[in-house]
Amino acid sequence: MNRLRLASSTRRGWAFALGLGASGVGAGCGSTDNVEVYPGGQTGGEQPATDGPCDAVYQELALDEVAPFGATPATVLEPVLGTHTAPLLWSSNTGNITLGPEQGLSDVELIASYTGGRVAWAHFVEKEATPGEGTAAAPALLSCTPDRLEVDIDVQLRTGGGALAERFVATLGAPTPDNAQFTKVFRLDTLGGSFFITAPSGVSAVLQLTVVWDVFGFRGLIDGEVTTEQPDPSGGGGGTVSGQRVPFGQWPPPSNSGGPGGP
């Protein structure tokens, strides 16, 4: 069994990439920056963003400027900024891997602040057809992501037993004034806490953190993109690689009544 333990690392500049297509880099691979993702897809920064069949056009905004959805960025940030705490439940249903050092019930604390980061409205438009590729419209399932407000915020997050103790920059996305969220993907050996997984040989994982502020309050999900490498039984140079998403934990814990637990 391999015990994949997270080594503490000093945070430096973050590379941003918004989108579900985050690279599933397994622990132990070569050094790379963490990759931030957000449902919808954007390769962040100053260059035009892409989202499947769409590009993003950005309009910079001031905090007190009304965005196209009728609210200011400052209004969207009101429930996000500050200190948030919640009970956290680590999952016991993680297949052939074991999580540590925290198990069962714990708690999470998140501190969000705004220190002058990017504020912009992202408008997604269909890409122009490339010559020679035809001009057929993209299928409905590949339609553009809804437009959204994007704000870069500073985040500190820790869990009660020290499994996670992270400081990072996240791009908050808000398609509506009452729904703001971010997703961040971490390679296991870049985390600042003591989180580890015990797994069979050939199994690696990255950790994905999703945090949401919406009508149900402050919610979050910790899960892993687990990759299994199967060598070629004939001894050749081939083999297979498979992946699955495994729930690691969520806050608040699931409930049979009232609003939902994690996102």
C-alpha atoms as a PDB file:
ATOM      1  CA  MET A   1       0.000   0.000   0.000  1.00  0.00           C
ATOM      2  CA  ASN A   2       1.237   3.491  -0.823  1.00  0.00           C
ATOM      3  CA  ARG A   3       0.796   6.235   1.744  1.00  0.00           C
ATOM      4  CA  LEU A   4       0.564   9.482  -0.148  1.00  0.00           C
ATOM      5  CA  ARG A   5       1.364  12.172   2.391  1.00  0.00           C
ATOM      6  CA  LEU A   6       1.199  15.857   1.720  1.00  0.00           C
ATOM      7  CA  ALA A   7       4.362  17.836   2.168  1.00  0.00           C
ATOM      8  CA  SER A   8       3.964  21.443   3.307  1.00  0.00           C
ATOM      9  CA  SER A   9       4.968  23.959   0.661  1.00  0.00           C
ATOM     10  CA  THR A  10       5.421  27.705   0.445  1.00  0.00           C
ATOM     11  CA  ARG A  11       2.727  29.346  -1.611  1.00  0.00           C
ATOM     12  CA  ARG A  12       3.813  31.409  -4.592  1.00  0.00           C
ATOM     13  CA  GLY A  13       2.027  32.815  -7.647  1.00  0.00           C
ATOM     14  CA  TRP A  14      -1.056  30.896  -8.676  1.00  0.00           C
ATOM     15  CA  ALA A  15      -1.901  29.929 -12.247  1.00  0.00           C
ATOM     16  CA  PHE A  16      -5.615  30.235 -12.847  1.00  0.00           C
ATOM     17  CA  ALA A  17      -7.690  28.005 -15.086  1.00  0.00           C
ATOM     18  CA  LEU A  18     -11.436  28.002 -14.827  1.00  0.00           C
ATOM     19  CA  GLY A  19     -13.197  24.917 -16.149  1.00  0.00           C
ATOM     20  CA  LEU A  20     -14.186  21.350 -15.414  1.00  0.00           C
ATOM     21  CA  GLY A  21     -11.418  20.133 -17.658  1.00  0.00           C
ATOM     22  CA  ALA A  22      -8.752  20.453 -14.963  1.00  0.00           C
ATOM     23  CA  SER A  23      -5.767  18.244 -15.488  1.00  0.00           C
ATOM     24  CA  GLY A  24      -5.843  15.158 -13.258  1.00  0.00           C
ATOM     25  CA  VAL A  25      -2.232  15.310 -12.097  1.00  0.00           C
ATOM     26  CA  GLY A  26      -1.417  12.493  -9.713  1.00  0.00           C
ATOM     27  CA  ALA A  27       0.634  12.917  -6.569  1.00  0.00           C
ATOM     28  CA  GLY A  28       4.297  12.395  -7.177  1.00  0.00           C
ATOM     29  CA  CYS A  29       4.361  13.913 -10.662  1.00  0.00           C
ATOM     30  CA  GLY A  30       6.728  16.704 -11.647  1.00  0.00           C
ATOM     31  CA  SER A  31       6.395  20.094  -9.986  1.00  0.00           C
ATOM     32  CA  THR A  32       3.540  22.251 -11.219  1.00  0.00           C
ATOM     33  CA  ASP A  33       1.473  25.067  -9.811  1.00  0.00           C
ATOM     34  CA  ASN A  34      -1.922  24.211  -8.446  1.00  0.00           C
ATOM     35  CA  VAL A  35      -4.710  24.635 -10.944  1.00  0.00           C
ATOM     36  CA  GLU A  36      -7.873  26.468 -10.080  1.00  0.00           C
ATOM     37  CA  VAL A  37     -11.103  25.424 -11.749  1.00  0.00           C
ATOM     38  CA  TYR A  38     -14.626  26.752 -11.890  1.00  0.00           C
ATOM     39  CA  PRO A  39     -17.625  25.236 -13.668  1.00  0.00           C
ATOM     40  CA  GLY A  40     -17.808  26.919 -17.034  1.00  0.00           C
ATOM     41  CA  GLY A  41     -14.241  27.141 -18.163  1.00  0.00           C
ATOM     42  CA  GLN A  42     -11.807  29.945 -18.619  1.00  0.00           C
ATOM     43  CA  THR A  43      -8.083  30.146 -19.015  1.00  0.00           C
ATOM     44  CA  GLY A  44      -7.664  33.140 -16.760  1.00  0.00           C
ATOM     45  CA  GLY A  45      -5.571  36.248 -17.011  1.00  0.00           C
ATOM     46  CA  GLU A  46      -5.373  38.760 -19.800  1.00  0.00           C
ATOM     47  CA  GLN A  47      -5.760  36.411 -22.751  1.00  0.00           C
ATOM     48  CA  PRO A  48      -9.188  35.544 -24.211  1.00  0.00           C
ATOM     49  CA  ALA A  49     -10.787  32.667 -22.342  1.00  0.00           C
ATOM     50  CA  THR A  50     -12.178  29.535 -23.894  1.00  0.00           C
ATOM     51  CA  ASP A  51     -15.080  27.312 -22.845  1.00  0.00           C
ATOM     52  CA  GLY A  52     -15.571  24.430 -25.255  1.00  0.00           C
ATOM     53  CA  PRO A  53     -17.256  25.976 -28.297  1.00  0.00           C
ATOM     54  CA  CYS A  54     -17.137  29.442 -26.738  1.00  0.00           C
ATOM     55  CA  ASP A  55     -14.776  32.324 -25.968  1.00  0.00           C
ATOM     56  CA  ALA A  56     -15.091  34.760 -23.069  1.00  0.00           C
ATOM     57  CA  VAL A  57     -15.107  38.524 -23.440  1.00  0.00           C
ATOM     58  CA  TYR A  58     -14.233  40.398 -20.242  1.00  0.00           C
ATOM     59  CA  GLN A  59     -15.468  43.753 -18.999  1.00  0.00           C
ATOM     60  CA  GLU A  60     -13.555  45.132 -16.017  1.00  0.00           C
ATOM     61  CA  LEU A  61     -15.805  46.439 -13.232  1.00  0.00           C
ATOM     62  CA  ALA A  62     -15.461  48.575 -10.113  1.00  0.00           C
ATOM     63  CA  LEU A  63     -16.747  47.151  -6.843  1.00  0.00           C
ATOM     64  CA  ASP A  64     -19.607  49.670  -6.768  1.00  0.00           C
ATOM     65  CA  GLU A  65     -20.470  49.356 -10.470  1.00  0.00           C
ATOM     66  CA  VAL A  66     -23.708  47.593 -11.345  1.00  0.00           C
ATOM     67  CA  ALA A  67     -23.043  44.373 -13.251  1.00  0.00           C
ATOM     68  CA  PRO A  68     -25.327  43.214 -16.099  1.00  0.00           C
ATOM     69  CA  PHE A  69     -27.288  40.975 -13.700  1.00  0.00           C
ATOM     70  CA  GLY A  70     -28.427  44.032 -11.723  1.00  0.00           C
ATOM     71  CA  ALA A  71     -26.190  43.976  -8.631  1.00  0.00           C
ATOM     72  CA  THR A  72     -22.746  45.334  -7.777  1.00  0.00           C
ATOM     73  CA  PRO A  73     -19.712  43.131  -7.050  1.00  0.00           C
ATOM     74  CA  ALA A  74     -19.686  44.593  -3.544  1.00  0.00           C
ATOM     75  CA  THR A  75     -23.210  43.260  -2.989  1.00  0.00           C
ATOM     76  CA  VAL A  76     -22.205  39.793  -4.201  1.00  0.00           C
ATOM     77  CA  LEU A  77     -19.171  39.816  -1.892  1.00  0.00           C
ATOM     78  CA  GLU A  78     -21.142  40.757   1.249  1.00  0.00           C
ATOM     79  CA  PRO A  79     -22.050  37.157   2.255  1.00  0.00           C
ATOM     80  CA  VAL A  80     -18.677  35.820   1.084  1.00  0.00           C
ATOM     81  CA  LEU A  81     -16.138  37.988   2.881  1.00  0.00           C
ATOM     82  CA  GLY A  82     -15.268  37.303   6.510  1.00  0.00           C
ATOM     83  CA  THR A  83     -14.961  34.169   8.626  1.00  0.00           C
ATOM     84  CA  HIS A  84     -17.207  31.161   8.058  1.00  0.00           C
ATOM     85  CA  THR A  85     -17.363  27.978  10.130  1.00  0.00           C
ATOM     86  CA  ALA A  86     -19.340  24.757   9.734  1.00  0.00           C
ATOM     87  CA  PRO A  87     -19.324  21.113  10.856  1.00  0.00           C
ATOM     88  CA  LEU A  88     -17.470  18.879   8.395  1.00  0.00           C
ATOM     89  CA  LEU A  89     -18.042  15.166   7.780  1.00  0.00           C
ATOM     90  CA  TRP A  90     -15.214  13.138   6.260  1.00  0.00           C
ATOM     91  CA  SER A  91     -16.489  10.308   4.083  1.00  0.00           C
ATOM     92  CA  SER A  92     -16.042   6.649   5.036  1.00  0.00           C
ATOM     93  CA  ASN A  93     -17.148   5.505   1.571  1.00  0.00           C
ATOM     94  CA  THR A  94     -13.922   6.011  -0.358  1.00  0.00           C
ATOM     95  CA  GLY A  95     -13.463   2.625  -2.019  1.00  0.00           C
ATOM     96  CA  ASN A  96      -9.979   1.155  -1.887  1.00  0.00           C
ATOM     97  CA  ILE A  97      -8.330   4.258  -0.417  1.00  0.00           C
ATOM     98  CA  THR A  98      -8.247   5.468   3.188  1.00  0.00           C
ATOM     99  CA  LEU A  99      -8.156   9.125   4.227  1.00  0.00           C
ATOM    100  CA  GLY A 100      -6.182  10.558   7.106  1.00  0.00           C
ATOM    101  CA  PRO A 101      -5.464  11.880   9.601  1.00  0.00           C
ATOM    102  CA  GLU A 102      -8.997  13.208  10.170  1.00  0.00           C
ATOM    103  CA  GLN A 103     -11.972  10.866  10.042  1.00  0.00           C
ATOM    104  CA  GLY A 104     -15.644  11.201  10.891  1.00  0.00           C
ATOM    105  CA  LEU A 105     -16.916  14.526  12.239  1.00  0.00           C
ATOM    106  CA  SER A 106     -14.673  17.585  12.259  1.00  0.00           C
ATOM    107  CA  ASP A 107     -15.113  21.258  11.438  1.00  0.00           C
ATOM    108  CA  VAL A 108     -13.952  23.719   8.815  1.00  0.00           C
ATOM    109  CA  GLU A 109     -13.085  27.407   9.012  1.00  0.00           C
ATOM    110  CA  LEU A 110     -12.765  29.589   5.926  1.00  0.00           C
ATOM    111  CA  ILE A 111     -11.663  33.228   5.878  1.00  0.00           C
ATOM    112  CA  ALA A 112     -12.287  35.126   2.645  1.00  0.00           C
ATOM    113  CA  SER A 113     -10.955  38.613   1.948  1.00  0.00           C
ATOM    114  CA  TYR A 114     -10.738  40.985  -0.995  1.00  0.00           C
ATOM    115  CA  THR A 115      -7.443  42.840  -1.403  1.00  0.00           C
ATOM    116  CA  GLY A 116      -7.842  44.525  -4.755  1.00  0.00           C
ATOM    117  CA  GLY A 117      -7.895  41.528  -7.087  1.00  0.00           C
ATOM    118  CA  ARG A 118      -9.450  41.313 -10.528  1.00  0.00           C
ATOM    119  CA  VAL A 119     -13.166  42.128 -10.864  1.00  0.00           C
ATOM    120  CA  ALA A 120     -14.744  41.463 -14.251  1.00  0.00           C
ATOM    121  CA  TRP A 121     -17.900  40.421 -16.041  1.00  0.00           C
ATOM    122  CA  ALA A 122     -17.366  37.358 -18.256  1.00  0.00           C
ATOM    123  CA  HIS A 123     -19.567  37.206 -21.362  1.00  0.00           C
ATOM    124  CA  PHE A 124     -19.345  33.923 -23.296  1.00  0.00           C
ATOM    125  CA  VAL A 125     -19.829  33.923 -27.059  1.00  0.00           C
ATOM    126  CA  GLU A 126     -19.671  31.165 -29.647  1.00  0.00           C
ATOM    127  CA  LYS A 127     -16.356  30.820 -31.431  1.00  0.00           C
ATOM    128  CA  GLU A 128     -16.181  31.678 -35.081  1.00  0.00           C
ATOM    129  CA  ALA A 129     -15.902  28.607 -37.295  1.00  0.00           C
ATOM    130  CA  THR A 130     -12.359  27.761 -38.394  1.00  0.00           C
ATOM    131  CA  PRO A 131     -11.972  27.738 -42.194  1.00  0.00           C
ATOM    132  CA  GLY A 132     -12.363  24.192 -43.465  1.00  0.00           C
ATOM    133  CA  GLU A 133     -14.268  23.006 -40.391  1.00  0.00           C
ATOM    134  CA  GLY A 134     -17.707  24.013 -41.621  1.00  0.00           C
ATOM    135  CA  THR A 135     -20.163  26.328 -39.954  1.00  0.00           C
ATOM    136  CA  ALA A 136     -22.566  23.893 -38.324  1.00  0.00           C
ATOM    137  CA  ALA A 137     -23.912  25.100 -34.996  1.00  0.00           C
ATOM    138  CA  ALA A 138     -22.629  23.385 -31.846  1.00  0.00           C
ATOM    139  CA  PRO A 139     -25.000  20.839 -30.269  1.00  0.00           C
ATOM    140  CA  ALA A 140     -27.278  22.174 -27.540  1.00  0.00           C
ATOM    141  CA  LEU A 141     -25.326  20.279 -24.873  1.00  0.00           C
ATOM    142  CA  LEU A 142     -22.236  22.277 -25.849  1.00  0.00           C
ATOM    143  CA  SER A 143     -23.874  25.680 -25.555  1.00  0.00           C
ATOM    144  CA  CYS A 144     -22.007  28.501 -23.884  1.00  0.00           C
ATOM    145  CA  THR A 145     -21.656  28.839 -20.140  1.00  0.00           C
ATOM    146  CA  PRO A 146     -23.969  31.490 -18.641  1.00  0.00           C
ATOM    147  CA  ASP A 147     -22.331  34.880 -18.227  1.00  0.00           C
ATOM    148  CA  ARG A 148     -20.993  35.560 -14.741  1.00  0.00           C
ATOM    149  CA  LEU A 149     -19.218  37.967 -12.440  1.00  0.00           C
ATOM    150  CA  GLU A 150     -15.651  36.958 -11.549  1.00  0.00           C
ATOM    151  CA  VAL A 151     -13.736  38.289  -8.519  1.00  0.00           C
ATOM    152  CA  ASP A 152     -10.313  37.182  -7.312  1.00  0.00           C
ATOM    153  CA  ILE A 153     -10.340  36.703  -3.534  1.00  0.00           C
ATOM    154  CA  ASP A 154      -7.818  35.580  -0.911  1.00  0.00           C
ATOM    155  CA  VAL A 155      -8.783  32.449   1.008  1.00  0.00           C
ATOM    156  CA  GLN A 156      -7.528  30.805   4.186  1.00  0.00           C
ATOM    157  CA  LEU A 157      -9.042  27.404   4.971  1.00  0.00           C
ATOM    158  CA  ARG A 158      -8.332  24.938   7.756  1.00  0.00           C
ATOM    159  CA  THR A 159     -10.011  21.838   9.128  1.00  0.00           C
ATOM    160  CA  GLY A 160     -10.273  21.043  12.837  1.00  0.00           C
ATOM    161  CA  GLY A 161      -7.646  18.311  12.892  1.00  0.00           C
ATOM    162  CA  GLY A 162      -5.161  20.057  10.607  1.00  0.00           C
ATOM    163  CA  ALA A 163      -5.712  17.869   7.532  1.00  0.00           C
ATOM    164  CA  LEU A 164      -6.148  21.044   5.488  1.00  0.00           C
ATOM    165  CA  ALA A 165      -4.356  24.292   6.349  1.00  0.00           C
ATOM    166  CA  GLU A 166      -4.348  26.233   3.091  1.00  0.00           C
ATOM    167  CA  ARG A 167      -3.845  29.798   1.882  1.00  0.00           C
ATOM    168  CA  PHE A 168      -4.574  30.573  -1.761  1.00  0.00           C
ATOM    169  CA  VAL A 169      -6.152  32.918  -4.269  1.00  0.00           C
ATOM    170  CA  ALA A 170      -9.456  31.794  -5.791  1.00  0.00           C
ATOM    171  CA  THR A 171     -11.570  33.192  -8.598  1.00  0.00           C
ATOM    172  CA  LEU A 172     -15.104  33.527  -7.289  1.00  0.00           C
ATOM    173  CA  GLY A 173     -17.743  33.061  -9.982  1.00  0.00           C
ATOM    174  CA  ALA A 174     -21.300  34.364  -9.650  1.00  0.00           C
ATOM    175  CA  PRO A 175     -23.806  33.695 -12.462  1.00  0.00           C
ATOM    176  CA  THR A 176     -26.486  35.324 -10.277  1.00  0.00           C
ATOM    177  CA  PRO A 177     -26.236  37.765  -7.348  1.00  0.00           C
ATOM    178  CA  ASP A 178     -27.227  35.057  -4.821  1.00  0.00           C
ATOM    179  CA  ASN A 179     -24.977  32.246  -6.068  1.00  0.00           C
ATOM    180  CA  ALA A 180     -21.204  32.616  -5.757  1.00  0.00           C
ATOM    181  CA  GLN A 181     -18.721  29.749  -5.779  1.00  0.00           C
ATOM    182  CA  PHE A 182     -15.201  28.663  -6.525  1.00  0.00           C
ATOM    183  CA  THR A 183     -13.427  25.374  -7.112  1.00  0.00           C
ATOM    184  CA  LYS A 184      -9.741  24.765  -6.466  1.00  0.00           C
ATOM    185  CA  VAL A 185      -7.734  21.667  -7.379  1.00  0.00           C
ATOM    186  CA  PHE A 186      -4.654  20.737  -5.334  1.00  0.00           C
ATOM    187  CA  ARG A 187      -1.930  18.254  -6.032  1.00  0.00           C
ATOM    188  CA  LEU A 188      -1.527  16.270  -2.814  1.00  0.00           C
ATOM    189  CA  ASP A 189       2.141  17.108  -2.343  1.00  0.00           C
ATOM    190  CA  THR A 190       1.442  20.858  -2.455  1.00  0.00           C
ATOM    191  CA  LEU A 191      -1.034  21.028   0.419  1.00  0.00           C
ATOM    192  CA  GLY A 192      -0.082  22.804   3.628  1.00  0.00           C
ATOM    193  CA  GLY A 193      -1.940  20.460   5.979  1.00  0.00           C
ATOM    194  CA  SER A 194      -1.328  16.868   7.029  1.00  0.00           C
ATOM    195  CA  PHE A 195      -3.903  15.228   4.750  1.00  0.00           C
ATOM    196  CA  PHE A 196      -2.867  11.904   3.216  1.00  0.00           C
ATOM    197  CA  ILE A 197      -4.417   8.901   1.530  1.00  0.00           C
ATOM    198  CA  THR A 198      -3.417   5.258   1.817  1.00  0.00           C
ATOM    199  CA  ALA A 199      -3.929   3.524  -1.509  1.00  0.00           C
ATOM    200  CA  PRO A 200      -2.893   0.432  -3.472  1.00  0.00           C
ATOM    201  CA  SER A 201       0.079   0.615  -5.807  1.00  0.00           C
ATOM    202  CA  GLY A 202      -0.709   2.453  -9.027  1.00  0.00           C
ATOM    203  CA  VAL A 203      -3.367   4.690  -7.455  1.00  0.00           C
ATOM    204  CA  SER A 204      -2.894   8.474  -7.278  1.00  0.00           C
ATOM    205  CA  ALA A 205      -5.222  11.402  -6.606  1.00  0.00           C
ATOM    206  CA  VAL A 206      -5.692  15.137  -6.687  1.00  0.00           C
ATOM    207  CA  LEU A 207      -7.922  16.936  -4.191  1.00  0.00           C
ATOM    208  CA  GLN A 208     -10.713  19.237  -5.365  1.00  0.00           C
ATOM    209  CA  LEU A 209     -12.304  21.826  -3.096  1.00  0.00           C
ATOM    210  CA  THR A 210     -15.643  23.390  -4.060  1.00  0.00           C
ATOM    211  CA  VAL A 211     -17.137  26.184  -1.929  1.00  0.00           C
ATOM    212  CA  VAL A 212     -20.568  27.734  -2.478  1.00  0.00           C
ATOM    213  CA  TRP A 213     -22.482  30.670  -0.995  1.00  0.00           C
ATOM    214  CA  ASP A 214     -26.139  30.570  -2.030  1.00  0.00           C
ATOM    215  CA  VAL A 215     -29.677  30.602  -0.626  1.00  0.00           C
ATOM    216  CA  PHE A 216     -28.780  27.532   1.463  1.00  0.00           C
ATOM    217  CA  GLY A 217     -25.837  29.315   3.092  1.00  0.00           C
ATOM    218  CA  PHE A 218     -22.161  28.349   3.260  1.00  0.00           C
ATOM    219  CA  ARG A 219     -21.529  24.906   1.773  1.00  0.00           C
ATOM    220  CA  GLY A 220     -18.548  22.940   0.605  1.00  0.00           C
ATOM    221  CA  LEU A 221     -17.384  19.689  -0.922  1.00  0.00           C
ATOM    222  CA  ILE A 222     -13.979  18.011  -0.753  1.00  0.00           C
ATOM    223  CA  ASP A 223     -13.478  15.236  -3.250  1.00  0.00           C
ATOM    224  CA  GLY A 224     -10.712  13.534  -5.159  1.00  0.00           C
ATOM    225  CA  GLU A 225     -10.017  12.700  -8.756  1.00  0.00           C
ATOM    226  CA  VAL A 226      -8.551   9.227  -8.270  1.00  0.00           C
ATOM    227  CA  THR A 227      -6.471   7.701 -11.070  1.00  0.00           C
ATOM    228  CA  THR A 228      -5.614   4.003 -11.307  1.00  0.00           C
ATOM    229  CA  GLU A 229      -2.854   2.751 -13.593  1.00  0.00           C
ATOM    230  CA  GLN A 230      -3.025  -0.907 -14.646  1.00  0.00           C
ATOM    231  CA  PRO A 231       0.177  -2.297 -16.202  1.00  0.00           C
ATOM    232  CA  ASP A 232       0.057  -4.414 -19.343  1.00  0.00           C
ATOM    233  CA  PRO A 233      -0.279  -8.039 -18.088  1.00  0.00           C
ATOM    234  CA  SER A 234       1.779  -9.238 -21.038  1.00  0.00           C
ATOM    235  CA  GLY A 235       4.722  -7.179 -19.865  1.00  0.00           C
ATOM    236  CA  GLY A 236       4.614  -4.827 -22.824  1.00  0.00           C
ATOM    237  CA  GLY A 237       4.870  -1.089 -22.665  1.00  0.00           C
ATOM    238  CA  GLY A 238       1.122  -0.525 -22.700  1.00  0.00           C
ATOM    239  CA  GLY A 239      -1.394  -0.577 -19.881  1.00  0.00           C
ATOM    240  CA  THR A 240      -4.586   1.258 -18.992  1.00  0.00           C
ATOM    241  CA  VAL A 241      -5.431   4.334 -16.956  1.00  0.00           C
ATOM    242  CA  SER A 242      -8.864   4.873 -15.409  1.00  0.00           C
ATOM    243  CA  GLY A 243     -10.233   7.657 -13.265  1.00  0.00           C
ATOM    244  CA  GLN A 244     -13.155   8.289 -10.957  1.00  0.00           C
ATOM    245  CA  ARG A 245     -14.318  11.051  -8.643  1.00  0.00           C
ATOM    246  CA  VAL A 246     -14.428   9.978  -4.991  1.00  0.00           C
ATOM    247  CA  PRO A 247     -16.153  12.030  -2.228  1.00  0.00           C
ATOM    248  CA  PHE A 248     -13.737  12.852   0.602  1.00  0.00           C
ATOM    249  CA  GLY A 249     -15.923  15.104   2.765  1.00  0.00           C
ATOM    250  CA  GLN A 250     -18.558  17.825   2.841  1.00  0.00           C
ATOM    251  CA  TRP A 251     -19.995  20.594   4.950  1.00  0.00           C
ATOM    252  CA  PRO A 252     -22.481  20.792   6.405  1.00  0.00           C
ATOM    253  CA  PRO A 253     -22.992  17.021   6.768  1.00  0.00           C
ATOM    254  CA  PRO A 254     -25.888  15.466   4.813  1.00  0.00           C
ATOM    255  CA  SER A 255     -29.293  15.891   6.435  1.00  0.00           C
ATOM    256  CA  ASN A 256     -32.600  14.137   5.891  1.00  0.00           C
ATOM    257  CA  SER A 257     -34.477  17.359   6.489  1.00  0.00           C
ATOM    258  CA  GLY A 258     -34.183  20.988   5.505  1.00  0.00           C
ATOM    259  CA  GLY A 259     -31.740  22.224   2.892  1.00  0.00           C
ATOM    260  CA  PRO A 260     -28.964  20.196   1.308  1.00  0.00           C
ATOM    261  CA  GLY A 261     -25.613  19.456   2.826  1.00  0.00           C
ATOM    262  CA  GLY A 262     -22.590  20.082   0.633  1.00  0.00           C
ATOM    263  CA  PRO A 263     -22.976  21.342  -2.938  1.00  0.00           C
END
